[in-house]
Amino acid sequence: MDILQMVVAGVYVLAAIAIIVVVLLQEGKSAGLGAAFATNQESYWNKNKKHTLEGRFELWTKITAGVFVVLAIVLNII
């Protein structure tokens, strides 16, 4: 049981580091004053954002956060 706990804890730490790196690689969400007056939300950029590098970073943030939460629960149970 100790070995399993150590392995899960190691993966937990790697997931934490991965979350930190992916979040730091993302761009800021503040669009400035121009976003307050923008009315065209159905732009080409918004429709195809998931295919960009920023969209992939958001996807990996969600995946690593999910792994992090699941491992936290598993470590609590063990």
PDB file of N, CA and C in Angstrom:
ATOM      1  N   MET A   1       0.814  -1.193   0.000  1.00  0.00           N
ATOM      2  CA  MET A   1       0.000   0.000   0.000  1.00  0.00           C
ATOM      3  C   MET A   1       0.862   1.262   0.000  1.00  0.00           C
ATOM      4  N   ASP A   2       2.016   1.194   0.675  1.00  0.00           N
ATOM      5  CA  ASP A   2       2.916   2.339   0.707  1.00  0.00           C
ATOM      6  C   ASP A   2       3.459   2.678  -0.672  1.00  0.00           C
ATOM      7  N   ILE A   3       3.775   1.661  -1.449  1.00  0.00           N
ATOM      8  CA  ILE A   3       4.325   1.891  -2.783  1.00  0.00           C
ATOM      9  C   ILE A   3       3.275   2.532  -3.681  1.00  0.00           C
ATOM     10  N   LEU A   4       2.032   2.058  -3.603  1.00  0.00           N
ATOM     11  CA  LEU A   4       0.947   2.631  -4.396  1.00  0.00           C
ATOM     12  C   LEU A   4       0.737   4.089  -4.035  1.00  0.00           C
ATOM     13  N   GLN A   5       0.784   4.388  -2.758  1.00  0.00           N
ATOM     14  CA  GLN A   5       0.613   5.762  -2.306  1.00  0.00           C
ATOM     15  C   GLN A   5       1.748   6.652  -2.810  1.00  0.00           C
ATOM     16  N   MET A   6       2.950   6.144  -2.809  1.00  0.00           N
ATOM     17  CA  MET A   6       4.091   6.926  -3.297  1.00  0.00           C
ATOM     18  C   MET A   6       3.989   7.166  -4.799  1.00  0.00           C
ATOM     19  N   VAL A   7       3.549   6.178  -5.553  1.00  0.00           N
ATOM     20  CA  VAL A   7       3.411   6.333  -6.998  1.00  0.00           C
ATOM     21  C   VAL A   7       2.322   7.353  -7.328  1.00  0.00           C
ATOM     22  N   VAL A   8       1.180   7.240  -6.651  1.00  0.00           N
ATOM     23  CA  VAL A   8       0.084   8.188  -6.879  1.00  0.00           C
ATOM     24  C   VAL A   8       0.506   9.596  -6.458  1.00  0.00           C
ATOM     25  N   ALA A   9       1.253   9.709  -5.375  1.00  0.00           N
ATOM     26  CA  ALA A   9       1.732  11.020  -4.933  1.00  0.00           C
ATOM     27  C   ALA A   9       2.710  11.614  -5.947  1.00  0.00           C
ATOM     28  N   GLY A  10       3.545  10.772  -6.547  1.00  0.00           N
ATOM     29  CA  GLY A  10       4.466  11.258  -7.577  1.00  0.00           C
ATOM     30  C   GLY A  10       3.730  11.760  -8.806  1.00  0.00           C
ATOM     31  N   VAL A  11       2.711  11.026  -9.232  1.00  0.00           N
ATOM     32  CA  VAL A  11       1.909  11.470 -10.381  1.00  0.00           C
ATOM     33  C   VAL A  11       1.132  12.731 -10.021  1.00  0.00           C
ATOM     34  N   TYR A  12       0.704  12.829  -8.774  1.00  0.00           N
ATOM     35  CA  TYR A  12      -0.002  14.011  -8.279  1.00  0.00           C
ATOM     36  C   TYR A  12       0.886  15.255  -8.378  1.00  0.00           C
ATOM     37  N   VAL A  13       2.127  15.118  -7.988  1.00  0.00           N
ATOM     38  CA  VAL A  13       3.073  16.239  -8.076  1.00  0.00           C
ATOM     39  C   VAL A  13       3.332  16.611  -9.531  1.00  0.00           C
ATOM     40  N   LEU A  14       3.476  15.614 -10.397  1.00  0.00           N
ATOM     41  CA  LEU A  14       3.663  15.899 -11.822  1.00  0.00           C
ATOM     42  C   LEU A  14       2.448  16.605 -12.421  1.00  0.00           C
ATOM     43  N   ALA A  15       1.247  16.213 -12.001  1.00  0.00           N
ATOM     44  CA  ALA A  15       0.039  16.886 -12.482  1.00  0.00           C
ATOM     45  C   ALA A  15      -0.004  18.332 -11.994  1.00  0.00           C
ATOM     46  N   ALA A  16       0.431  18.563 -10.762  1.00  0.00           N
ATOM     47  CA  ALA A  16       0.465  19.928 -10.231  1.00  0.00           C
ATOM     48  C   ALA A  16       1.438  20.798 -11.021  1.00  0.00           C
ATOM     49  N   ILE A  17       2.599  20.254 -11.332  1.00  0.00           N
ATOM     50  CA  ILE A  17       3.585  20.996 -12.119  1.00  0.00           C
ATOM     51  C   ILE A  17       3.058  21.253 -13.528  1.00  0.00           C
ATOM     52  N   ALA A  18       2.368  20.263 -14.104  1.00  0.00           N
ATOM     53  CA  ALA A  18       1.802  20.424 -15.449  1.00  0.00           C
ATOM     54  C   ALA A  18       0.752  21.522 -15.469  1.00  0.00           C
ATOM     55  N   ILE A  19      -0.090  21.590 -14.438  1.00  0.00           N
ATOM     56  CA  ILE A  19      -1.092  22.657 -14.372  1.00  0.00           C
ATOM     57  C   ILE A  19      -0.414  24.021 -14.311  1.00  0.00           C
ATOM     58  N   ILE A  20       0.603  24.134 -13.500  1.00  0.00           N
ATOM     59  CA  ILE A  20       1.316  25.409 -13.366  1.00  0.00           C
ATOM     60  C   ILE A  20       1.905  25.840 -14.702  1.00  0.00           C
ATOM     61  N   VAL A  21       2.557  24.917 -15.389  1.00  0.00           N
ATOM     62  CA  VAL A  21       3.199  25.248 -16.663  1.00  0.00           C
ATOM     63  C   VAL A  21       2.168  25.637 -17.715  1.00  0.00           C
ATOM     64  N   VAL A  22       1.092  24.869 -17.832  1.00  0.00           N
ATOM     65  CA  VAL A  22       0.093  25.140 -18.864  1.00  0.00           C
ATOM     66  C   VAL A  22      -0.607  26.466 -18.602  1.00  0.00           C
ATOM     67  N   VAL A  23      -0.913  26.763 -17.354  1.00  0.00           N
ATOM     68  CA  VAL A  23      -1.574  28.028 -17.035  1.00  0.00           C
ATOM     69  C   VAL A  23      -0.643  29.204 -17.319  1.00  0.00           C
ATOM     70  N   LEU A  24       0.632  29.053 -17.007  1.00  0.00           N
ATOM     71  CA  LEU A  24       1.569  30.145 -17.270  1.00  0.00           C
ATOM     72  C   LEU A  24       1.806  30.369 -18.760  1.00  0.00           C
ATOM     73  N   LEU A  25       1.609  29.346 -19.577  1.00  0.00           N
ATOM     74  CA  LEU A  25       1.785  29.492 -21.019  1.00  0.00           C
ATOM     75  C   LEU A  25       0.598  30.168 -21.699  1.00  0.00           C
ATOM     76  N   GLN A  26      -0.532  30.230 -21.023  1.00  0.00           N
ATOM     77  CA  GLN A  26      -1.725  30.834 -21.620  1.00  0.00           C
ATOM     78  C   GLN A  26      -1.623  32.343 -21.642  1.00  0.00           C
ATOM     79  N   GLU A  27      -2.348  32.928 -22.601  1.00  0.00           N
ATOM     80  CA  GLU A  27      -2.421  34.383 -22.687  1.00  0.00           C
ATOM     81  C   GLU A  27      -3.451  34.890 -21.690  1.00  0.00           C
ATOM     82  N   GLY A  28      -3.350  36.167 -21.354  1.00  0.00           N
ATOM     83  CA  GLY A  28      -4.314  36.766 -20.449  1.00  0.00           C
ATOM     84  C   GLY A  28      -5.681  36.895 -21.092  1.00  0.00           C
ATOM     85  N   LYS A  29      -6.722  36.908 -20.289  1.00  0.00           N
ATOM     86  CA  LYS A  29      -8.085  37.004 -20.803  1.00  0.00           C
ATOM     87  C   LYS A  29      -8.578  38.443 -20.893  1.00  0.00           C
ATOM     88  N   SER A  30      -7.836  39.376 -20.385  1.00  0.00           N
ATOM     89  CA  SER A  30      -8.289  40.762 -20.428  1.00  0.00           C
ATOM     90  C   SER A  30      -8.050  41.320 -21.823  1.00  0.00           C
ATOM     91  N   ALA A  31      -9.119  41.712 -22.464  1.00  0.00           N
ATOM     92  CA  ALA A  31      -9.034  42.227 -23.822  1.00  0.00           C
ATOM     93  C   ALA A  31      -8.959  43.752 -23.853  1.00  0.00           C
ATOM     94  N   GLY A  32      -9.027  44.375 -22.726  1.00  0.00           N
ATOM     95  CA  GLY A  32      -8.912  45.815 -22.667  1.00  0.00           C
ATOM     96  C   GLY A  32     -10.246  46.514 -22.866  1.00  0.00           C
ATOM     97  N   LEU A  33     -10.184  47.819 -23.103  1.00  0.00           N
ATOM     98  CA  LEU A  33     -11.380  48.640 -23.240  1.00  0.00           C
ATOM     99  C   LEU A  33     -12.132  48.340 -24.526  1.00  0.00           C
ATOM    100  N   GLY A  34     -11.440  47.888 -25.553  1.00  0.00           N
ATOM    101  CA  GLY A  34     -12.088  47.602 -26.830  1.00  0.00           C
ATOM    102  C   GLY A  34     -13.090  46.469 -26.748  1.00  0.00           C
ATOM    103  N   ALA A  35     -12.936  45.571 -25.815  1.00  0.00           N
ATOM    104  CA  ALA A  35     -13.861  44.446 -25.686  1.00  0.00           C
ATOM    105  C   ALA A  35     -15.217  44.895 -25.142  1.00  0.00           C
ATOM    106  N   ALA A  36     -15.254  46.008 -24.447  1.00  0.00           N
ATOM    107  CA  ALA A  36     -16.513  46.494 -23.896  1.00  0.00           C
ATOM    108  C   ALA A  36     -17.457  46.956 -24.997  1.00  0.00           C
ATOM    109  N   PHE A  37     -16.905  47.398 -26.122  1.00  0.00           N
ATOM    110  CA  PHE A  37     -17.733  47.920 -27.201  1.00  0.00           C
ATOM    111  C   PHE A  37     -17.850  46.955 -28.377  1.00  0.00           C
ATOM    112  N   ALA A  38     -17.229  45.801 -28.273  1.00  0.00           N
ATOM    113  CA  ALA A  38     -17.282  44.818 -29.357  1.00  0.00           C
ATOM    114  C   ALA A  38     -18.645  44.136 -29.357  1.00  0.00           C
ATOM    115  N   THR A  39     -19.292  44.098 -30.512  1.00  0.00           N
ATOM    116  CA  THR A  39     -20.616  43.481 -30.603  1.00  0.00           C
ATOM    117  C   THR A  39     -20.593  42.204 -31.430  1.00  0.00           C
ATOM    118  N   ASN A  40     -19.526  41.969 -32.187  1.00  0.00           N
ATOM    119  CA  ASN A  40     -19.461  40.803 -33.054  1.00  0.00           C
ATOM    120  C   ASN A  40     -18.815  39.639 -32.309  1.00  0.00           C
ATOM    121  N   GLN A  41     -19.619  38.845 -31.621  1.00  0.00           N
ATOM    122  CA  GLN A  41     -19.093  37.714 -30.882  1.00  0.00           C
ATOM    123  C   GLN A  41     -18.981  36.468 -31.744  1.00  0.00           C
ATOM    124  N   GLU A  42     -19.581  36.461 -32.912  1.00  0.00           N
ATOM    125  CA  GLU A  42     -19.537  35.303 -33.809  1.00  0.00           C
ATOM    126  C   GLU A  42     -18.457  35.487 -34.868  1.00  0.00           C
ATOM    127  N   SER A  43     -17.285  35.866 -34.459  1.00  0.00           N
ATOM    128  CA  SER A  43     -16.203  36.099 -35.402  1.00  0.00           C
ATOM    129  C   SER A  43     -15.520  34.781 -35.755  1.00  0.00           C
ATOM    130  N   TYR A  44     -14.694  34.842 -36.750  1.00  0.00           N
ATOM    131  CA  TYR A  44     -13.952  33.659 -37.181  1.00  0.00           C
ATOM    132  C   TYR A  44     -13.062  33.154 -36.057  1.00  0.00           C
ATOM    133  N   TRP A  45     -12.455  34.062 -35.325  1.00  0.00           N
ATOM    134  CA  TRP A  45     -11.566  33.684 -34.228  1.00  0.00           C
ATOM    135  C   TRP A  45     -12.325  32.925 -33.139  1.00  0.00           C
ATOM    136  N   ASN A  46     -13.508  33.414 -32.763  1.00  0.00           N
ATOM    137  CA  ASN A  46     -14.267  32.756 -31.699  1.00  0.00           C
ATOM    138  C   ASN A  46     -14.784  31.389 -32.127  1.00  0.00           C
ATOM    139  N   LYS A  47     -15.106  31.226 -33.403  1.00  0.00           N
ATOM    140  CA  LYS A  47     -15.617  29.948 -33.883  1.00  0.00           C
ATOM    141  C   LYS A  47     -14.525  28.891 -33.963  1.00  0.00           C
ATOM    142  N   ASN A  48     -13.293  29.288 -34.262  1.00  0.00           N
ATOM    143  CA  ASN A  48     -12.205  28.339 -34.476  1.00  0.00           C
ATOM    144  C   ASN A  48     -11.133  28.409 -33.406  1.00  0.00           C
ATOM    145  N   LYS A  49     -11.470  28.901 -32.249  1.00  0.00           N
ATOM    146  CA  LYS A  49     -10.484  29.081 -31.190  1.00  0.00           C
ATOM    147  C   LYS A  49      -9.934  27.748 -30.686  1.00  0.00           C
ATOM    148  N   LYS A  50     -10.757  26.697 -30.736  1.00  0.00           N
ATOM    149  CA  LYS A  50     -10.296  25.413 -30.211  1.00  0.00           C
ATOM    150  C   LYS A  50      -9.177  24.811 -31.052  1.00  0.00           C
ATOM    151  N   HIS A  51      -8.992  25.269 -32.262  1.00  0.00           N
ATOM    152  CA  HIS A  51      -7.948  24.743 -33.127  1.00  0.00           C
ATOM    153  C   HIS A  51      -6.625  25.501 -32.986  1.00  0.00           C
ATOM    154  N   THR A  52      -6.615  26.551 -32.197  1.00  0.00           N
ATOM    155  CA  THR A  52      -5.395  27.331 -32.011  1.00  0.00           C
ATOM    156  C   THR A  52      -4.594  26.779 -30.835  1.00  0.00           C
ATOM    157  N   LEU A  53      -3.396  27.283 -30.677  1.00  0.00           N
ATOM    158  CA  LEU A  53      -2.550  26.876 -29.560  1.00  0.00           C
ATOM    159  C   LEU A  53      -3.189  27.255 -28.230  1.00  0.00           C
ATOM    160  N   GLU A  54      -3.823  28.411 -28.182  1.00  0.00           N
ATOM    161  CA  GLU A  54      -4.496  28.846 -26.965  1.00  0.00           C
ATOM    162  C   GLU A  54      -5.655  27.903 -26.607  1.00  0.00           C
ATOM    163  N   GLY A  55      -6.374  27.446 -27.608  1.00  0.00           N
ATOM    164  CA  GLY A  55      -7.453  26.494 -27.372  1.00  0.00           C
ATOM    165  C   GLY A  55      -6.935  25.174 -26.845  1.00  0.00           C
ATOM    166  N   ARG A  56      -5.795  24.744 -27.354  1.00  0.00           N
ATOM    167  CA  ARG A  56      -5.189  23.510 -26.855  1.00  0.00           C
ATOM    168  C   ARG A  56      -4.712  23.666 -25.420  1.00  0.00           C
ATOM    169  N   PHE A  57      -4.177  24.839 -25.078  1.00  0.00           N
ATOM    170  CA  PHE A  57      -3.765  25.093 -23.696  1.00  0.00           C
ATOM    171  C   PHE A  57      -4.968  25.017 -22.754  1.00  0.00           C
ATOM    172  N   GLU A  58      -6.100  25.571 -23.178  1.00  0.00           N
ATOM    173  CA  GLU A  58      -7.303  25.509 -22.348  1.00  0.00           C
ATOM    174  C   GLU A  58      -7.762  24.064 -22.163  1.00  0.00           C
ATOM    175  N   LEU A  59      -7.699  23.276 -23.222  1.00  0.00           N
ATOM    176  CA  LEU A  59      -8.077  21.868 -23.133  1.00  0.00           C
ATOM    177  C   LEU A  59      -7.159  21.122 -22.173  1.00  0.00           C
ATOM    178  N   TRP A  60      -5.858  21.355 -22.284  1.00  0.00           N
ATOM    179  CA  TRP A  60      -4.914  20.658 -21.404  1.00  0.00           C
ATOM    180  C   TRP A  60      -5.027  21.131 -19.967  1.00  0.00           C
ATOM    181  N   THR A  61      -5.431  22.372 -19.765  1.00  0.00           N
ATOM    182  CA  THR A  61      -5.670  22.847 -18.402  1.00  0.00           C
ATOM    183  C   THR A  61      -6.826  22.074 -17.776  1.00  0.00           C
ATOM    184  N   LYS A  62      -7.891  21.883 -18.541  1.00  0.00           N
ATOM    185  CA  LYS A  62      -9.042  21.144 -18.030  1.00  0.00           C
ATOM    186  C   LYS A  62      -8.684  19.685 -17.749  1.00  0.00           C
ATOM    187  N   ILE A  63      -7.925  19.071 -18.654  1.00  0.00           N
ATOM    188  CA  ILE A  63      -7.545  17.664 -18.477  1.00  0.00           C
ATOM    189  C   ILE A  63      -6.655  17.490 -17.252  1.00  0.00           C
ATOM    190  N   THR A  64      -5.615  18.319 -17.137  1.00  0.00           N
ATOM    191  CA  THR A  64      -4.701  18.173 -16.004  1.00  0.00           C
ATOM    192  C   THR A  64      -5.376  18.526 -14.684  1.00  0.00           C
ATOM    193  N   ALA A  65      -6.291  19.484 -14.705  1.00  0.00           N
ATOM    194  CA  ALA A  65      -7.027  19.810 -13.477  1.00  0.00           C
ATOM    195  C   ALA A  65      -7.916  18.641 -13.070  1.00  0.00           C
ATOM    196  N   GLY A  66      -8.530  17.989 -14.035  1.00  0.00           N
ATOM    197  CA  GLY A  66      -9.342  16.813 -13.727  1.00  0.00           C
ATOM    198  C   GLY A  66      -8.512  15.687 -13.139  1.00  0.00           C
ATOM    199  N   VAL A  67      -7.344  15.437 -13.734  1.00  0.00           N
ATOM    200  CA  VAL A  67      -6.435  14.406 -13.208  1.00  0.00           C
ATOM    201  C   VAL A  67      -5.988  14.777 -11.797  1.00  0.00           C
ATOM    202  N   PHE A  68      -5.700  16.040 -11.584  1.00  0.00           N
ATOM    203  CA  PHE A  68      -5.261  16.516 -10.278  1.00  0.00           C
ATOM    204  C   PHE A  68      -6.327  16.272  -9.214  1.00  0.00           C
ATOM    205  N   VAL A  69      -7.579  16.593  -9.542  1.00  0.00           N
ATOM    206  CA  VAL A  69      -8.674  16.423  -8.582  1.00  0.00           C
ATOM    207  C   VAL A  69      -8.909  14.940  -8.295  1.00  0.00           C
ATOM    208  N   VAL A  70      -8.902  14.117  -9.338  1.00  0.00           N
ATOM    209  CA  VAL A  70      -9.113  12.676  -9.141  1.00  0.00           C
ATOM    210  C   VAL A  70      -8.003  12.081  -8.286  1.00  0.00           C
ATOM    211  N   LEU A  71      -6.765  12.468  -8.552  1.00  0.00           N
ATOM    212  CA  LEU A  71      -5.655  11.954  -7.749  1.00  0.00           C
ATOM    213  C   LEU A  71      -5.721  12.439  -6.308  1.00  0.00           C
ATOM    214  N   ALA A  72      -6.212  13.667  -6.086  1.00  0.00           N
ATOM    215  CA  ALA A  72      -6.373  14.164  -4.719  1.00  0.00           C
ATOM    216  C   ALA A  72      -7.390  13.319  -3.966  1.00  0.00           C
ATOM    217  N   ILE A  73      -8.475  12.948  -4.647  1.00  0.00           N
ATOM    218  CA  ILE A  73      -9.474  12.095  -4.015  1.00  0.00           C
ATOM    219  C   ILE A  73      -8.911  10.711  -3.730  1.00  0.00           C
ATOM    220  N   VAL A  74      -8.162  10.153  -4.694  1.00  0.00           N
ATOM    221  CA  VAL A  74      -7.563   8.829  -4.514  1.00  0.00           C
ATOM    222  C   VAL A  74      -6.568   8.850  -3.347  1.00  0.00           C
ATOM    223  N   LEU A  75      -5.755   9.881  -3.265  1.00  0.00           N
ATOM    224  CA  LEU A  75      -4.804   9.981  -2.152  1.00  0.00           C
ATOM    225  C   LEU A  75      -5.507  10.120  -0.810  1.00  0.00           C
ATOM    226  N   ASN A  76      -6.640  10.773  -0.808  1.00  0.00           N
ATOM    227  CA  ASN A  76      -7.394  10.917   0.436  1.00  0.00           C
ATOM    228  C   ASN A  76      -7.985   9.580   0.868  1.00  0.00           C
ATOM    229  N   ILE A  77      -8.403   8.777  -0.097  1.00  0.00           N
ATOM    230  CA  ILE A  77      -8.984   7.474   0.223  1.00  0.00           C
ATOM    231  C   ILE A  77      -7.920   6.485   0.688  1.00  0.00           C
ATOM    232  N   ILE A  78      -6.746   6.542   0.052  1.00  0.00           N
ATOM    233  CA  ILE A  78      -5.678   5.586   0.371  1.00  0.00           C
ATOM    234  C   ILE A  78      -5.152   5.829   1.743  1.00  0.00           C
TER     235      ILE A  78
END
